[in-house]
PDB file of N, CA and C in Angstrom:
ATOM      1  N   UNK A   1      65.340 118.029  21.191  1.00  0.00           N
ATOM      2  CA  UNK A   1      66.232 117.159  21.030  1.00  0.00           C
ATOM      3  C   UNK A   1      65.806 115.524  21.915  1.00  0.00           C
ATOM      4  N   UNK A   2      65.825 116.121  22.677  1.00  0.00           N
ATOM      5  CA  UNK A   2      65.630 114.761  23.898  1.00  0.00           C
ATOM      6  C   UNK A   2      64.509 114.103  23.184  1.00  0.00           C
ATOM      7  N   UNK A   3      63.306 114.637  22.817  1.00  0.00           N
ATOM      8  CA  UNK A   3      62.100 113.625  22.215  1.00  0.00           C
ATOM      9  C   UNK A   3      62.500 113.071  21.059  1.00  0.00           C
ATOM     10  N   UNK A   4      63.531 113.766  20.257  1.00  0.00           N
ATOM     11  CA  UNK A   4      63.947 112.919  18.892  1.00  0.00           C
ATOM     12  C   UNK A   4      64.761 111.833  19.473  1.00  0.00           C
ATOM     13  N   UNK A   5      65.569 111.824  20.359  1.00  0.00           N
ATOM     14  CA  UNK A   5      66.468 110.756  20.720  1.00  0.00           C
ATOM     15  C   UNK A   5      65.565 109.748  21.126  1.00  0.00           C
ATOM     16  N   UNK A   6      64.578 109.966  22.205  1.00  0.00           N
ATOM     17  CA  UNK A   6      63.703 108.973  22.650  1.00  0.00           C
ATOM     18  C   UNK A   6      63.195 108.069  21.671  1.00  0.00           C
ATOM     19  N   UNK A   7      62.329 108.802  20.535  1.00  0.00           N
ATOM     20  CA  UNK A   7      61.960 108.171  19.131  1.00  0.00           C
ATOM     21  C   UNK A   7      62.882 107.299  18.485  1.00  0.00           C
ATOM     22  N   UNK A   8      64.129 107.941  18.224  1.00  0.00           N
ATOM     23  CA  UNK A   8      65.019 107.376  17.076  1.00  0.00           C
ATOM     24  C   UNK A   8      66.098 106.578  17.764  1.00  0.00           C
ATOM     25  N   UNK A   9      66.936 106.803  18.736  1.00  0.00           N
ATOM     26  CA  UNK A   9      67.879 106.248  19.241  1.00  0.00           C
ATOM     27  C   UNK A   9      67.498 104.768  19.905  1.00  0.00           C
ATOM     28  N   UNK A  10      68.669 103.941  19.866  1.00  0.00           N
ATOM     29  CA  UNK A  10      68.240 102.598  20.437  1.00  0.00           C
ATOM     30  C   UNK A  10      69.132 102.879  22.180  1.00  0.00           C
ATOM     31  N   UNK A  11      69.833 103.765  22.497  1.00  0.00           N
ATOM     32  CA  UNK A  11      70.279 103.761  23.888  1.00  0.00           C
ATOM     33  C   UNK A  11      69.230 104.539  24.654  1.00  0.00           C
ATOM     34  N   UNK A  12      69.468 104.206  25.929  1.00  0.00           N
ATOM     35  CA  UNK A  12      68.671 105.232  27.080  1.00  0.00           C
ATOM     36  C   UNK A  12      69.342 106.321  27.385  1.00  0.00           C
ATOM     37  N   UNK A  13      68.734 106.816  28.276  1.00  0.00           N
ATOM     38  CA  UNK A  13      69.284 108.335  28.838  1.00  0.00           C
ATOM     39  C   UNK A  13      69.321 107.830  30.276  1.00  0.00           C
ATOM     40  N   UNK A  14      70.259 108.571  30.857  1.00  0.00           N
ATOM     41  CA  UNK A  14      70.224 108.265  32.397  1.00  0.00           C
ATOM     42  C   UNK A  14      68.964 109.152  33.063  1.00  0.00           C
ATOM     43  N   UNK A  15      68.698 110.222  32.698  1.00  0.00           N
ATOM     44  CA  UNK A  15      67.751 111.108  33.214  1.00  0.00           C
ATOM     45  C   UNK A  15      66.323 111.247  32.730  1.00  0.00           C
ATOM     46  N   UNK A  16      65.354 111.474  33.250  1.00  0.00           N
ATOM     47  CA  UNK A  16      63.867 111.895  32.644  1.00  0.00           C
ATOM     48  C   UNK A  16      64.106 113.049  32.297  1.00  0.00           C
ATOM     49  N   UNK A  17      63.065 113.337  31.798  1.00  0.00           N
ATOM     50  CA  UNK A  17      62.694 114.357  30.991  1.00  0.00           C
ATOM     51  C   UNK A  17      62.447 115.637  31.718  1.00  0.00           C
ATOM     52  N   UNK A  18      62.296 115.433  32.998  1.00  0.00           N
ATOM     53  CA  UNK A  18      61.938 116.908  33.844  1.00  0.00           C
ATOM     54  C   UNK A  18      63.443 117.320  34.174  1.00  0.00           C
ATOM     55  N   UNK A  19      64.607 116.278  34.096  1.00  0.00           N
ATOM     56  CA  UNK A  19      65.848 116.777  34.549  1.00  0.00           C
ATOM     57  C   UNK A  19      66.327 117.531  33.464  1.00  0.00           C
ATOM     58  N   UNK A  20      65.997 117.282  32.220  1.00  0.00           N
ATOM     59  CA  UNK A  20      66.571 118.199  31.125  1.00  0.00           C
ATOM     60  C   UNK A  20      66.430 119.636  31.655  1.00  0.00           C
ATOM     61  N   UNK A  21      65.067 119.810  32.407  1.00  0.00           N
ATOM     62  CA  UNK A  21      65.323 121.443  32.909  1.00  0.00           C
ATOM     63  C   UNK A  21      65.476 121.788  34.349  1.00  0.00           C
ATOM     64  N   UNK A  22      65.350 120.699  35.262  1.00  0.00           N
ATOM     65  CA  UNK A  22      65.635 120.969  36.595  1.00  0.00           C
ATOM     66  C   UNK A  22      66.970 120.999  37.079  1.00  0.00           C
ATOM     67  N   UNK A  23      67.636 120.053  36.176  1.00  0.00           N
ATOM     68  CA  UNK A  23      68.930 119.174  36.773  1.00  0.00           C
ATOM     69  C   UNK A  23      69.758 120.848  36.361  1.00  0.00           C
ATOM     70  N   UNK A  24      69.642 121.828  35.691  1.00  0.00           N
ATOM     71  CA  UNK A  24      70.533 123.156  35.872  1.00  0.00           C
ATOM     72  C   UNK A  24      70.278 123.906  36.914  1.00  0.00           C
ATOM     73  N   UNK A  25      69.093 123.731  37.810  1.00  0.00           N
ATOM     74  CA  UNK A  25      68.992 124.556  38.654  1.00  0.00           C
ATOM     75  C   UNK A  25      68.738 123.846  40.224  1.00  0.00           C
ATOM     76  N   UNK A  26      68.851 122.644  40.265  1.00  0.00           N
ATOM     77  CA  UNK A  26      68.444 122.139  41.508  1.00  0.00           C
ATOM     78  C   UNK A  26      70.025 122.093  42.070  1.00  0.00           C
ATOM     79  N   UNK A  27      70.209 122.601  43.193  1.00  0.00           N
ATOM     80  CA  UNK A  27      71.351 122.474  43.922  1.00  0.00           C
ATOM     81  C   UNK A  27      71.880 121.037  44.307  1.00  0.00           C
ATOM     82  N   UNK A  28      73.004 120.849  44.144  1.00  0.00           N
ATOM     83  CA  UNK A  28      73.906 119.855  43.975  1.00  0.00           C
ATOM     84  C   UNK A  28      73.816 118.908  42.886  1.00  0.00           C
ATOM     85  N   UNK A  29      72.655 118.377  42.351  1.00  0.00           N
ATOM     86  CA  UNK A  29      72.607 117.654  41.273  1.00  0.00           C
ATOM     87  C   UNK A  29      72.937 118.309  40.327  1.00  0.00           C
ATOM     88  N   UNK A  30      72.904 119.793  40.031  1.00  0.00           N
ATOM     89  CA  UNK A  30      73.198 120.593  38.928  1.00  0.00           C
ATOM     90  C   UNK A  30      74.803 120.760  38.694  1.00  0.00           C
ATOM     91  N   UNK A  31      75.697 119.853  39.541  1.00  0.00           N
ATOM     92  CA  UNK A  31      77.101 119.544  39.430  1.00  0.00           C
ATOM     93  C   UNK A  31      76.966 118.734  38.105  1.00  0.00           C
ATOM     94  N   UNK A  32      76.063 117.807  38.011  1.00  0.00           N
ATOM     95  CA  UNK A  32      76.526 116.411  36.844  1.00  0.00           C
ATOM     96  C   UNK A  32      75.108 116.228  36.476  1.00  0.00           C
ATOM     97  N   UNK A  33      74.209 116.390  36.571  1.00  0.00           N
ATOM     98  CA  UNK A  33      72.884 116.198  35.737  1.00  0.00           C
ATOM     99  C   UNK A  33      72.886 116.774  34.514  1.00  0.00           C
ATOM    100  N   UNK A  34      73.032 117.854  34.463  1.00  0.00           N
ATOM    101  CA  UNK A  34      73.105 118.405  32.892  1.00  0.00           C
ATOM    102  C   UNK A  34      74.003 117.836  31.995  1.00  0.00           C
ATOM    103  N   UNK A  35      75.348 117.797  32.687  1.00  0.00           N
ATOM    104  CA  UNK A  35      76.279 116.919  31.944  1.00  0.00           C
ATOM    105  C   UNK A  35      75.525 115.448  31.360  1.00  0.00           C
ATOM    106  N   UNK A  36      75.096 115.163  32.063  1.00  0.00           N
ATOM    107  CA  UNK A  36      74.537 113.331  31.697  1.00  0.00           C
ATOM    108  C   UNK A  36      73.554 113.655  30.850  1.00  0.00           C
ATOM    109  N   UNK A  37      72.450 114.881  30.990  1.00  0.00           N
ATOM    110  CA  UNK A  37      71.479 114.888  29.915  1.00  0.00           C
ATOM    111  C   UNK A  37      72.205 115.256  28.472  1.00  0.00           C
ATOM    112  N   UNK A  38      73.175 116.011  28.479  1.00  0.00           N
ATOM    113  CA  UNK A  38      73.597 116.550  27.111  1.00  0.00           C
ATOM    114  C   UNK A  38      74.372 115.509  26.711  1.00  0.00           C
ATOM    115  N   UNK A  39      75.320 114.926  27.349  1.00  0.00           N
ATOM    116  CA  UNK A  39      76.069 113.827  26.934  1.00  0.00           C
ATOM    117  C   UNK A  39      75.428 112.463  26.129  1.00  0.00           C
ATOM    118  N   UNK A  40      74.230 112.072  27.153  1.00  0.00           N
ATOM    119  CA  UNK A  40      73.380 110.942  26.628  1.00  0.00           C
ATOM    120  C   UNK A  40      72.871 111.318  25.272  1.00  0.00           C
ATOM    121  N   UNK A  41      72.241 112.737  25.277  1.00  0.00           N
ATOM    122  CA  UNK A  41      71.361 113.032  24.054  1.00  0.00           C
ATOM    123  C   UNK A  41      72.347 113.066  22.933  1.00  0.00           C
ATOM    124  N   UNK A  42      73.352 113.416  23.194  1.00  0.00           N
ATOM    125  CA  UNK A  42      74.721 113.727  22.115  1.00  0.00           C
ATOM    126  C   UNK A  42      75.183 112.178  21.486  1.00  0.00           C
ATOM    127  N   UNK A  43      75.505 111.766  22.571  1.00  0.00           N
ATOM    128  CA  UNK A  43      75.999 110.289  22.137  1.00  0.00           C
ATOM    129  C   UNK A  43      74.864 109.392  21.446  1.00  0.00           C
ATOM    130  N   UNK A  44      73.728 109.700  21.719  1.00  0.00           N
ATOM    131  CA  UNK A  44      72.817 108.959  21.006  1.00  0.00           C
ATOM    132  C   UNK A  44      72.349 109.370  19.569  1.00  0.00           C
ATOM    133  N   UNK A  45      72.726 110.674  19.156  1.00  0.00           N
ATOM    134  CA  UNK A  45      72.675 111.389  18.346  1.00  0.00           C
ATOM    135  C   UNK A  45      73.932 111.190  17.195  1.00  0.00           C
ATOM    136  N   UNK A  46      75.089 111.267  17.611  1.00  0.00           N
ATOM    137  CA  UNK A  46      76.185 111.337  16.467  1.00  0.00           C
ATOM    138  C   UNK A  46      77.407 110.527  17.171  1.00  0.00           C
ATOM    139  N   UNK A  47      77.885 109.602  16.669  1.00  0.00           N
ATOM    140  CA  UNK A  47      79.237 108.717  17.141  1.00  0.00           C
ATOM    141  C   UNK A  47      80.648 109.649  17.233  1.00  0.00           C
ATOM    142  N   UNK A  48      80.204 110.707  16.512  1.00  0.00           N
ATOM    143  CA  UNK A  48      81.550 111.552  16.883  1.00  0.00           C
ATOM    144  C   UNK A  48      81.777 111.984  18.364  1.00  0.00           C
ATOM    145  N   UNK A  49      83.026 111.954  18.649  1.00  0.00           N
ATOM    146  CA  UNK A  49      83.277 112.291  20.094  1.00  0.00           C
ATOM    147  C   UNK A  49      83.282 114.036  19.901  1.00  0.00           C
ATOM    148  N   UNK A  50      82.482 114.528  21.016  1.00  0.00           N
ATOM    149  CA  UNK A  50      82.357 115.874  20.867  1.00  0.00           C
ATOM    150  C   UNK A  50      82.985 116.769  22.027  1.00  0.00           C
ATOM    151  N   UNK A  51      83.608 116.235  23.000  1.00  0.00           N
ATOM    152  CA  UNK A  51      84.100 116.807  23.663  1.00  0.00           C
ATOM    153  C   UNK A  51      83.325 117.275  25.032  1.00  0.00           C
ATOM    154  N   UNK A  52      82.193 116.141  25.184  1.00  0.00           N
ATOM    155  CA  UNK A  52      81.498 116.617  26.683  1.00  0.00           C
ATOM    156  C   UNK A  52      81.976 116.912  28.006  1.00  0.00           C
ATOM    157  N   UNK A  53      83.108 116.309  28.149  1.00  0.00           N
ATOM    158  CA  UNK A  53      83.995 116.194  29.380  1.00  0.00           C
ATOM    159  C   UNK A  53      84.618 117.507  29.446  1.00  0.00           C
ATOM    160  N   UNK A  54      85.171 117.709  28.276  1.00  0.00           N
ATOM    161  CA  UNK A  54      85.817 119.452  28.503  1.00  0.00           C
ATOM    162  C   UNK A  54      85.081 120.296  28.883  1.00  0.00           C
ATOM    163  N   UNK A  55      83.741 120.275  27.824  1.00  0.00           N
ATOM    164  CA  UNK A  55      82.863 121.426  27.911  1.00  0.00           C
ATOM    165  C   UNK A  55      82.407 121.475  29.394  1.00  0.00           C
ATOM    166  N   UNK A  56      81.870 120.288  30.067  1.00  0.00           N
ATOM    167  CA  UNK A  56      81.576 120.558  31.258  1.00  0.00           C
ATOM    168  C   UNK A  56      82.430 121.127  32.473  1.00  0.00           C
ATOM    169  N   UNK A  57      83.901 120.189  32.292  1.00  0.00           N
ATOM    170  CA  UNK A  57      84.958 121.093  33.248  1.00  0.00           C
ATOM    171  C   UNK A  57      85.316 122.398  33.006  1.00  0.00           C
ATOM    172  N   UNK A  58      85.368 122.611  31.717  1.00  0.00           N
ATOM    173  CA  UNK A  58      85.417 124.148  31.660  1.00  0.00           C
ATOM    174  C   UNK A  58      84.134 124.895  32.420  1.00  0.00           C
ATOM    175  N   UNK A  59      83.224 124.826  32.015  1.00  0.00           N
ATOM    176  CA  UNK A  59      81.731 125.392  32.813  1.00  0.00           C
ATOM    177  C   UNK A  59      81.904 125.312  34.201  1.00  0.00           C
ATOM    178  N   UNK A  60      82.456 124.152  34.865  1.00  0.00           N
ATOM    179  CA  UNK A  60      82.411 124.061  36.068  1.00  0.00           C
ATOM    180  C   UNK A  60      83.728 124.705  36.596  1.00  0.00           C
ATOM    181  N   UNK A  61      84.724 125.048  35.894  1.00  0.00           N
ATOM    182  CA  UNK A  61      85.782 125.931  36.464  1.00  0.00           C
ATOM    183  C   UNK A  61      85.334 127.365  36.566  1.00  0.00           C
ATOM    184  N   UNK A  62      84.755 127.617  35.511  1.00  0.00           N
ATOM    185  CA  UNK A  62      84.276 129.273  35.662  1.00  0.00           C
ATOM    186  C   UNK A  62      83.449 129.105  36.647  1.00  0.00           C
ATOM    187  N   UNK A  63      82.137 128.694  36.810  1.00  0.00           N
ATOM    188  CA  UNK A  63      81.355 128.589  38.157  1.00  0.00           C
ATOM    189  C   UNK A  63      82.194 128.817  39.119  1.00  0.00           C
ATOM    190  N   UNK A  64      83.132 127.838  39.508  1.00  0.00           N
ATOM    191  CA  UNK A  64      84.007 127.695  40.795  1.00  0.00           C
ATOM    192  C   UNK A  64      84.724 129.162  40.983  1.00  0.00           C
ATOM    193  N   UNK A  65      85.395 129.516  39.913  1.00  0.00           N
ATOM    194  CA  UNK A  65      86.062 130.901  40.033  1.00  0.00           C
ATOM    195  C   UNK A  65      85.334 132.290  40.198  1.00  0.00           C
ATOM    196  N   UNK A  66      84.037 132.055  39.356  1.00  0.00           N
ATOM    197  CA  UNK A  66      83.064 132.950  39.844  1.00  0.00           C
ATOM    198  C   UNK A  66      82.743 133.063  41.444  1.00  0.00           C
ATOM    199  N   UNK A  67      82.360 131.836  41.986  1.00  0.00           N
ATOM    200  CA  UNK A  67      82.526 131.944  43.450  1.00  0.00           C
ATOM    201  C   UNK A  67      83.329 132.217  44.379  1.00  0.00           C
ATOM    202  N   UNK A  68      84.534 131.931  43.623  1.00  0.00           N
ATOM    203  CA  UNK A  68      85.861 132.444  44.470  1.00  0.00           C
ATOM    204  C   UNK A  68      85.835 134.113  44.352  1.00  0.00           C
ATOM    205  N   UNK A  69      85.522 134.651  43.070  1.00  0.00           N
ATOM    206  CA  UNK A  69      85.496 136.106  43.258  1.00  0.00           C
ATOM    207  C   UNK A  69      84.429 136.754  43.837  1.00  0.00           C
ATOM    208  N   UNK A  70      83.438 135.826  44.377  1.00  0.00           N
ATOM    209  CA  UNK A  70      82.274 136.628  45.089  1.00  0.00           C
ATOM    210  C   UNK A  70      82.969 136.353  46.684  1.00  0.00           C
ATOM    211  N   UNK A  71      83.580 135.485  46.916  1.00  0.00           N
ATOM    212  CA  UNK A  71      84.217 135.297  48.149  1.00  0.00           C
ATOM    213  C   UNK A  71      85.269 136.313  48.700  1.00  0.00           C
ATOM    214  N   UNK A  72      85.963 136.574  47.636  1.00  0.00           N
ATOM    215  CA  UNK A  72      87.214 137.309  47.680  1.00  0.00           C
ATOM    216  C   UNK A  72      86.648 138.879  47.865  1.00  0.00           C
ATOM    217  N   UNK A  73      85.434 139.090  47.254  1.00  0.00           N
ATOM    218  CA  UNK A  73      84.898 140.384  47.719  1.00  0.00           C
ATOM    219  C   UNK A  73      84.172 140.545  48.885  1.00  0.00           C
ATOM    220  N   UNK A  74      84.208 139.151  49.694  1.00  0.00           N
ATOM    221  CA  UNK A  74      83.798 139.347  51.208  1.00  0.00           C
ATOM    222  C   UNK A  74      82.292 138.396  51.197  1.00  0.00           C
ATOM    223  N   UNK A  75      81.864 137.769  50.138  1.00  0.00           N
ATOM    224  CA  UNK A  75      81.089 136.804  50.543  1.00  0.00           C
ATOM    225  C   UNK A  75      79.968 137.068  51.224  1.00  0.00           C
ATOM    226  N   UNK A  76      79.307 136.401  51.973  1.00  0.00           N
ATOM    227  CA  UNK A  76      77.733 136.818  52.579  1.00  0.00           C
ATOM    228  C   UNK A  76      78.225 137.776  53.658  1.00  0.00           C
ATOM    229  N   UNK A  77      79.134 137.460  54.309  1.00  0.00           N
ATOM    230  CA  UNK A  77      79.704 138.383  55.712  1.00  0.00           C
ATOM    231  C   UNK A  77      79.830 139.807  55.256  1.00  0.00           C
ATOM    232  N   UNK A  78      80.310 139.993  53.981  1.00  0.00           N
ATOM    233  CA  UNK A  78      80.800 141.394  53.486  1.00  0.00           C
ATOM    234  C   UNK A  78      82.396 141.596  54.196  1.00  0.00           C
ATOM    235  N   UNK A  79      83.122 140.868  54.704  1.00  0.00           N
ATOM    236  CA  UNK A  79      84.258 141.106  55.142  1.00  0.00           C
ATOM    237  C   UNK A  79      85.399 141.084  53.899  1.00  0.00           C
ATOM    238  N   UNK A  80      86.099 142.208  53.477  1.00  0.00           N
ATOM    239  CA  UNK A  80      86.948 142.188  52.526  1.00  0.00           C
ATOM    240  C   UNK A  80      88.335 142.094  52.908  1.00  0.00           C
ATOM    241  N   UNK A  81      89.055 140.998  52.403  1.00  0.00           N
ATOM    242  CA  UNK A  81      90.480 141.039  52.592  1.00  0.00           C
ATOM    243  C   UNK A  81      91.274 141.869  51.675  1.00  0.00           C
ATOM    244  N   UNK A  82      92.010 142.712  51.942  1.00  0.00           N
ATOM    245  CA  UNK A  82      92.588 143.665  50.903  1.00  0.00           C
ATOM    246  C   UNK A  82      93.717 142.622  50.062  1.00  0.00           C
ATOM    247  N   UNK A  83      94.660 141.757  50.759  1.00  0.00           N
ATOM    248  CA  UNK A  83      95.794 140.989  50.178  1.00  0.00           C
ATOM    249  C   UNK A  83      94.658 140.076  49.222  1.00  0.00           C
ATOM    250  N   UNK A  84      93.623 139.637  49.455  1.00  0.00           N
ATOM    251  CA  UNK A  84      92.782 138.736  48.416  1.00  0.00           C
ATOM    252  C   UNK A  84      92.497 139.364  47.458  1.00  0.00           C
ATOM    253  N   UNK A  85      91.946 140.744  47.427  1.00  0.00           N
ATOM    254  CA  UNK A  85      91.596 141.579  46.482  1.00  0.00           C
ATOM    255  C   UNK A  85      92.406 141.707  45.272  1.00  0.00           C
ATOM    256  N   UNK A  86      93.571 141.608  45.868  1.00  0.00           N
ATOM    257  CA  UNK A  86      95.096 141.734  44.686  1.00  0.00           C
ATOM    258  C   UNK A  86      94.457 140.679  43.559  1.00  0.00           C
ATOM    259  N   UNK A  87      94.145 139.662  44.220  1.00  0.00           N
ATOM    260  CA  UNK A  87      94.043 138.385  43.282  1.00  0.00           C
ATOM    261  C   UNK A  87      92.684 138.178  42.378  1.00  0.00           C
ATOM    262  N   UNK A  88      91.960 138.971  42.349  1.00  0.00           N
ATOM    263  CA  UNK A  88      90.662 139.162  41.886  1.00  0.00           C
ATOM    264  C   UNK A  88      90.980 139.610  40.196  1.00  0.00           C
ATOM    265  N   UNK A  89      91.915 140.104  39.825  1.00  0.00           N
ATOM    266  CA  UNK A  89      92.070 140.361  38.392  1.00  0.00           C
ATOM    267  C   UNK A  89      92.522 138.844  37.640  1.00  0.00           C
ATOM    268  N   UNK A  90      93.068 138.251  38.530  1.00  0.00           N
ATOM    269  CA  UNK A  90      93.599 137.072  37.865  1.00  0.00           C
ATOM    270  C   UNK A  90      92.414 135.850  38.019  1.00  0.00           C
ATOM    271  N   UNK A  91      91.789 135.935  38.986  1.00  0.00           N
ATOM    272  CA  UNK A  91      90.496 134.784  39.046  1.00  0.00           C
ATOM    273  C   UNK A  91      89.663 135.069  37.998  1.00  0.00           C
ATOM    274  N   UNK A  92      89.170 136.406  37.672  1.00  0.00           N
ATOM    275  CA  UNK A  92      88.167 136.985  37.185  1.00  0.00           C
ATOM    276  C   UNK A  92      88.562 136.556  35.630  1.00  0.00           C
ATOM    277  N   UNK A  93      90.059 136.755  35.400  1.00  0.00           N
ATOM    278  CA  UNK A  93      90.794 136.593  33.667  1.00  0.00           C
ATOM    279  C   UNK A  93      90.506 134.813  33.656  1.00  0.00           C
ATOM    280  N   UNK A  94      90.844 134.254  34.575  1.00  0.00           N
ATOM    281  CA  UNK A  94      91.113 132.511  34.186  1.00  0.00           C
ATOM    282  C   UNK A  94      89.822 132.170  34.181  1.00  0.00           C
ATOM    283  N   UNK A  95      88.712 133.018  34.799  1.00  0.00           N
ATOM    284  CA  UNK A  95      87.082 132.445  34.795  1.00  0.00           C
ATOM    285  C   UNK A  95      86.736 132.933  33.533  1.00  0.00           C
ATOM    286  N   UNK A  96      87.103 133.731  33.354  1.00  0.00           N
ATOM    287  CA  UNK A  96      86.432 134.226  31.580  1.00  0.00           C
ATOM    288  C   UNK A  96      87.009 133.449  30.427  1.00  0.00           C
ATOM    289  N   UNK A  97      88.457 132.941  30.915  1.00  0.00           N
ATOM    290  CA  UNK A  97      88.809 132.008  29.888  1.00  0.00           C
ATOM    291  C   UNK A  97      88.167 130.580  29.722  1.00  0.00           C
ATOM    292  N   UNK A  98      87.709 129.974  31.055  1.00  0.00           N
ATOM    293  CA  UNK A  98      87.306 129.062  31.288  1.00  0.00           C
ATOM    294  C   UNK A  98      85.780 129.216  30.820  1.00  0.00           C
ATOM    295  N   UNK A  99      85.312 129.942  30.739  1.00  0.00           N
ATOM    296  CA  UNK A  99      83.864 130.274  30.278  1.00  0.00           C
ATOM    297  C   UNK A  99      83.919 130.648  28.616  1.00  0.00           C
ATOM    298  N   UNK A 100      84.950 131.188  28.058  1.00  0.00           N
ATOM    299  CA  UNK A 100      84.950 131.070  26.722  1.00  0.00           C
ATOM    300  C   UNK A 100      85.341 129.758  26.137  1.00  0.00           C
ATOM    301  N   UNK A 101      85.913 129.059  26.691  1.00  0.00           N
ATOM    302  CA  UNK A 101      86.507 127.327  26.235  1.00  0.00           C
ATOM    303  C   UNK A 101      85.053 126.651  26.434  1.00  0.00           C
ATOM    304  N   UNK A 102      84.483 127.010  27.473  1.00  0.00           N
ATOM    305  CA  UNK A 102      83.166 126.145  27.681  1.00  0.00           C
ATOM    306  C   UNK A 102      82.015 126.794  26.426  1.00  0.00           C
ATOM    307  N   UNK A 103      82.056 127.750  26.294  1.00  0.00           N
ATOM    308  CA  UNK A 103      81.175 128.465  25.053  1.00  0.00           C
ATOM    309  C   UNK A 103      81.577 127.786  23.746  1.00  0.00           C
ATOM    310  N   UNK A 104      82.661 127.652  23.432  1.00  0.00           N
ATOM    311  CA  UNK A 104      83.558 127.145  21.974  1.00  0.00           C
ATOM    312  C   UNK A 104      82.907 126.048  22.048  1.00  0.00           C
ATOM    313  N   UNK A 105      82.945 124.964  22.994  1.00  0.00           N
ATOM    314  CA  UNK A 105      82.786 123.590  22.893  1.00  0.00           C
ATOM    315  C   UNK A 105      81.460 123.415  23.193  1.00  0.00           C
ATOM    316  N   UNK A 106      80.521 124.118  23.825  1.00  0.00           N
ATOM    317  CA  UNK A 106      78.816 124.054  23.844  1.00  0.00           C
ATOM    318  C   UNK A 106      78.559 124.494  22.167  1.00  0.00           C
ATOM    319  N   UNK A 107      79.242 125.416  21.698  1.00  0.00           N
ATOM    320  CA  UNK A 107      78.432 125.471  20.239  1.00  0.00           C
ATOM    321  C   UNK A 107      78.993 124.502  19.290  1.00  0.00           C
ATOM    322  N   UNK A 108      80.025 123.837  19.619  1.00  0.00           N
ATOM    323  CA  UNK A 108      80.394 122.690  18.799  1.00  0.00           C
ATOM    324  C   UNK A 108      79.466 121.549  19.089  1.00  0.00           C
ATOM    325  N   UNK A 109      78.902 121.193  20.453  1.00  0.00           N
ATOM    326  CA  UNK A 109      77.936 120.063  20.315  1.00  0.00           C
ATOM    327  C   UNK A 109      76.771 120.232  20.104  1.00  0.00           C
ATOM    328  N   UNK A 110      76.192 121.841  20.128  1.00  0.00           N
ATOM    329  CA  UNK A 110      75.101 121.945  19.601  1.00  0.00           C
ATOM    330  C   UNK A 110      74.846 122.088  18.138  1.00  0.00           C
ATOM    331  N   UNK A 111      75.887 122.416  17.392  1.00  0.00           N
ATOM    332  CA  UNK A 111      75.959 122.417  15.814  1.00  0.00           C
ATOM    333  C   UNK A 111      76.005 121.094  15.617  1.00  0.00           C
ATOM    334  N   UNK A 112      76.852 119.842  15.900  1.00  0.00           N
ATOM    335  CA  UNK A 112      77.205 118.976  15.339  1.00  0.00           C
ATOM    336  C   UNK A 112      75.592 117.902  15.597  1.00  0.00           C
ATOM    337  N   UNK A 113      74.811 118.155  16.697  1.00  0.00           N
ATOM    338  CA  UNK A 113      73.936 117.664  17.175  1.00  0.00           C
ATOM    339  C   UNK A 113      72.807 117.972  16.318  1.00  0.00           C
ATOM    340  N   UNK A 114      72.623 119.303  16.242  1.00  0.00           N
ATOM    341  CA  UNK A 114      71.732 119.676  15.476  1.00  0.00           C
ATOM    342  C   UNK A 114      71.718 119.257  13.855  1.00  0.00           C
ATOM    343  N   UNK A 115      72.887 119.090  13.500  1.00  0.00           N
ATOM    344  CA  UNK A 115      72.949 118.405  12.163  1.00  0.00           C
ATOM    345  C   UNK A 115      72.509 117.342  12.117  1.00  0.00           C
ATOM    346  N   UNK A 116      72.873 116.282  13.076  1.00  0.00           N
ATOM    347  CA  UNK A 116      72.338 114.786  12.943  1.00  0.00           C
ATOM    348  C   UNK A 116      70.910 114.891  12.820  1.00  0.00           C
ATOM    349  N   UNK A 117      70.352 115.897  13.699  1.00  0.00           N
ATOM    350  CA  UNK A 117      68.759 115.897  14.014  1.00  0.00           C
ATOM    351  C   UNK A 117      68.340 116.225  12.876  1.00  0.00           C
ATOM    352  N   UNK A 118      68.652 117.144  12.216  1.00  0.00           N
ATOM    353  CA  UNK A 118      68.322 117.741  10.730  1.00  0.00           C
ATOM    354  C   UNK A 118      68.572 116.454   9.950  1.00  0.00           C
ATOM    355  N   UNK A 119      69.482 115.607   9.624  1.00  0.00           N
ATOM    356  CA  UNK A 119      69.584 114.332   8.955  1.00  0.00           C
ATOM    357  C   UNK A 119      68.498 113.609   9.407  1.00  0.00           C
ATOM    358  N   UNK A 120      68.350 113.309  10.512  1.00  0.00           N
ATOM    359  CA  UNK A 120      67.193 112.519  10.866  1.00  0.00           C
ATOM    360  C   UNK A 120      65.923 112.917  10.341  1.00  0.00           C
ATOM    361  N   UNK A 121      65.690 114.138  10.854  1.00  0.00           N
ATOM    362  CA  UNK A 121      64.394 114.528   9.964  1.00  0.00           C
ATOM    363  C   UNK A 121      64.285 114.686   8.577  1.00  0.00           C
ATOM    364  N   UNK A 122      65.093 114.916   7.924  1.00  0.00           N
ATOM    365  CA  UNK A 122      65.122 114.640   6.321  1.00  0.00           C
ATOM    366  C   UNK A 122      64.881 113.018   6.197  1.00  0.00           C
ATOM    367  N   UNK A 123      65.293 112.383   6.659  1.00  0.00           N
ATOM    368  CA  UNK A 123      64.863 110.811   6.255  1.00  0.00           C
ATOM    369  C   UNK A 123      63.828 110.538   6.800  1.00  0.00           C
ATOM    370  N   UNK A 124      63.293 111.155   7.421  1.00  0.00           N
ATOM    371  CA  UNK A 124      61.766 110.847   8.070  1.00  0.00           C
ATOM    372  C   UNK A 124      60.692 111.298   7.315  1.00  0.00           C
ATOM    373  N   UNK A 125      61.016 112.606   6.522  1.00  0.00           N
ATOM    374  CA  UNK A 125      60.145 113.444   5.749  1.00  0.00           C
ATOM    375  C   UNK A 125      59.528 112.682   4.535  1.00  0.00           C
ATOM    376  N   UNK A 126      57.993 112.798   4.557  1.00  0.00           N
ATOM    377  CA  UNK A 126      57.564 112.074   3.289  1.00  0.00           C
ATOM    378  C   UNK A 126      57.985 112.679   2.013  1.00  0.00           C
ATOM    379  N   UNK A 127      58.259 111.787   1.022  1.00  0.00           N
ATOM    380  CA  UNK A 127      58.752 112.129  -0.198  1.00  0.00           C
ATOM    381  C   UNK A 127      57.306 112.359  -0.882  1.00  0.00           C
ATOM    382  N   UNK A 128      57.048 113.435  -1.713  1.00  0.00           N
ATOM    383  CA  UNK A 128      55.848 113.411  -2.355  1.00  0.00           C
ATOM    384  C   UNK A 128      55.769 114.755  -3.264  1.00  0.00           C
TER     385      UNK A 128
END
């Protein structure tokens, strides 16, 4: 998708090709580089608003709650507070809902951007 956008779209992208992959795993920058890569490519592909901010916010909330659940279970020190353990089902449930919302928004983004790229491809295909 990124190569298509580079060839067809007039708008630039904030991050280079390598960050389309590394942005997801490099600490700290993984909090915003993936959002920038996806939103830049998506906005260049289709003018429809696709909810990039909602997708990314829901994804980050799910990661935050996953981390919180790990801390409730003792974190690296392994010290468990029984009072906090009672909150674990709520933390896990809200995190699961946030991840489900992120997934639904992600599917919408992928389908809409893929359809735009299919249209670009069909317009570029030689007739004969």
